[in-house]
Protein backbone atom coordinates (compact mmCIF):
# COMPACT_ATOMS: atom_id res chain seq x y z
CA VAL A 1 7.04 -4.92 -3.88
CA GLN A 2 9.16 -3.97 -6.54
CA LEU A 3 8.88 -1.44 -9.34
CA GLN A 4 10.08 -0.64 -12.66
CA ALA A 5 9.52 2.50 -14.59
CA SER A 6 9.51 2.94 -18.17
CA GLY A 7 8.86 5.15 -21.02
CA GLY A 8 10.48 8.16 -20.62
CA GLY A 9 12.51 9.78 -23.46
CA LEU A 10 12.79 13.44 -25.30
CA VAL A 11 9.79 14.79 -26.82
CA GLN A 12 8.40 18.65 -27.98
CA ALA A 13 5.74 20.93 -26.52
CA GLY A 14 2.88 19.15 -27.35
CA ASP A 15 3.49 15.86 -27.78
CA SER A 16 2.24 12.72 -25.59
CA LEU A 17 4.13 10.25 -24.25
CA ARG A 18 2.85 7.28 -21.78
CA LEU A 19 5.18 5.90 -18.99
CA SER A 20 4.53 2.60 -17.54
CA CYS A 21 5.27 0.90 -14.30
CA ALA A 22 5.48 -2.99 -13.87
CA ALA A 23 5.34 -4.01 -10.41
CA SER A 24 5.75 -7.86 -8.73
CA GLY A 25 3.88 -9.45 -6.18
CA ARG A 26 -0.03 -9.29 -5.61
CA MET A 27 -1.53 -6.23 -5.11
CA PHE A 28 -4.81 -6.07 -3.04
CA GLY A 29 -6.80 -3.98 -0.59
CA ASN A 30 -5.75 -0.61 -0.18
CA PHE A 31 -3.26 -0.74 -2.17
CA VAL A 32 -2.20 2.35 -4.28
CA MET A 33 0.42 3.43 -6.92
CA GLY A 34 1.47 6.48 -7.49
CA TRP A 35 3.41 8.74 -10.17
CA PHE A 36 5.73 11.65 -8.65
CA ARG A 37 8.49 13.69 -10.78
CA GLN A 38 11.60 15.47 -9.75
CA ALA A 39 13.01 18.50 -11.82
CA PRO A 40 16.54 19.78 -11.44
CA GLY A 41 17.09 21.66 -8.20
CA LYS A 42 13.50 20.92 -7.07
CA GLU A 43 11.95 18.71 -4.71
CA ARG A 44 9.99 15.29 -5.78
CA GLU A 45 6.30 16.22 -6.27
CA PHE A 46 3.24 14.18 -6.64
CA VAL A 47 1.95 13.75 -10.05
CA ALA A 48 -0.99 11.42 -9.40
CA GLY A 49 -2.00 8.27 -7.91
CA ILE A 50 -4.86 5.25 -8.61
CA ARG A 51 -6.14 2.97 -5.93
CA TRP A 52 -5.70 -0.58 -7.45
CA SER A 53 -9.23 -1.46 -6.15
CA GLY A 54 -11.82 0.40 -8.35
CA GLY A 55 -9.40 2.66 -9.90
CA SER A 56 -10.05 5.87 -8.48
CA SER A 57 -7.51 8.50 -9.18
CA TYR A 58 -6.01 11.39 -8.12
CA TYR A 59 -4.01 14.31 -9.82
CA ALA A 60 -1.70 17.45 -9.30
CA ASP A 61 -3.63 20.49 -10.35
CA SER A 62 -0.87 21.10 -12.67
CA VAL A 63 -1.46 17.58 -14.87
CA LYS A 64 -5.09 17.63 -14.58
CA GLY A 65 -6.67 17.28 -17.75
CA ARG A 66 -3.06 16.64 -19.54
CA PHE A 67 -2.61 13.51 -17.77
CA THR A 68 -4.36 10.12 -17.29
CA ILE A 69 -3.32 7.80 -14.52
CA SER A 70 -4.56 3.94 -15.16
CA ARG A 71 -3.56 0.34 -14.43
CA ASP A 72 -3.75 -2.99 -15.94
CA ILE A 73 -4.58 -5.71 -12.68
CA SER A 74 -4.18 -8.60 -15.49
CA ARG A 75 -0.71 -7.29 -15.89
CA ASN A 76 0.32 -5.87 -12.50
CA ALA A 77 1.15 -2.15 -14.33
CA ALA A 78 0.26 1.16 -13.88
CA TYR A 79 0.37 3.97 -16.49
CA LEU A 80 0.78 7.44 -16.94
CA GLN A 81 -0.37 9.23 -20.03
CA MET A 82 0.72 12.53 -20.75
CA SER A 83 -0.46 14.64 -23.52
CA GLY A 84 0.05 18.28 -23.86
CA LEU A 85 3.21 18.29 -22.62
CA LYS A 86 5.17 21.54 -21.55
CA PRO A 87 8.87 22.12 -21.16
CA GLU A 88 7.77 22.44 -17.24
CA ASP A 89 7.31 19.06 -17.42
CA THR A 90 10.91 18.02 -17.87
CA ALA A 91 11.90 15.78 -14.85
CA VAL A 92 12.68 12.18 -13.55
CA TYR A 93 9.52 10.62 -13.20
CA TYR A 94 9.04 7.83 -10.58
CA CYS A 95 6.33 5.16 -9.68
CA ALA A 96 5.49 4.54 -6.17
CA ALA A 97 3.44 2.11 -4.37
CA ALA A 98 2.17 1.82 -0.77
CA TRP A 99 -0.47 -0.54 0.63
CA ALA A 100 -2.31 2.36 2.11
CA VAL A 101 -1.81 6.07 1.82
CA ILE A 102 -2.85 8.86 4.02
CA LYS A 103 -2.11 11.84 2.15
CA TRP A 104 -1.38 10.93 -1.72
CA TYR A 105 1.02 13.82 -2.39
CA GLU A 106 3.59 12.66 0.82
CA THR A 107 6.47 10.87 -0.34
CA SER A 108 7.17 9.50 3.03
CA ASP A 109 3.58 7.92 2.26
CA TYR A 110 5.07 5.24 0.09
CA PRO A 111 7.58 2.82 0.93
CA PHE A 112 8.14 1.06 -2.34
CA TRP A 113 10.05 2.94 -5.57
CA GLY A 114 11.00 2.32 -8.49
CA GLN A 115 14.13 3.66 -10.52
CA GLY A 116 13.48 6.97 -12.35
CA THR A 117 12.82 7.44 -15.98
CA LEU A 118 13.47 10.72 -17.70
CA VAL A 119 11.07 12.91 -19.61
CA THR A 120 12.88 16.00 -21.21
CA VAL A 121 10.11 18.21 -22.91
CA SER A 122 11.73 20.62 -25.65
CA SER A 123 10.25 23.86 -26.51
């Protein structure tokens, strides 16, 4: 599985932004896609994840109510709609995928990673 993330940019606090992750290959079964982020000097952290089959989603507490993850099966793509952005959301955002995960927030559960896309939120 190959992943390609896009959609980052420079926005102001309170703005919205949508990230996209295009995936190659065929997804089925317990396949999941997730978004992680890494701010300067910090560890990579889980943001949101979605099951390809059924579409159930999971969020980090820090983004609940502001971010929405979705997927488009016909396009083999996942999206992260971010609203109410804050300066502390500034980070490189990565999309990731796995055939199954035990813990949504564990980076080691995801063998497939896309390149990052930088999101910068100015105050």
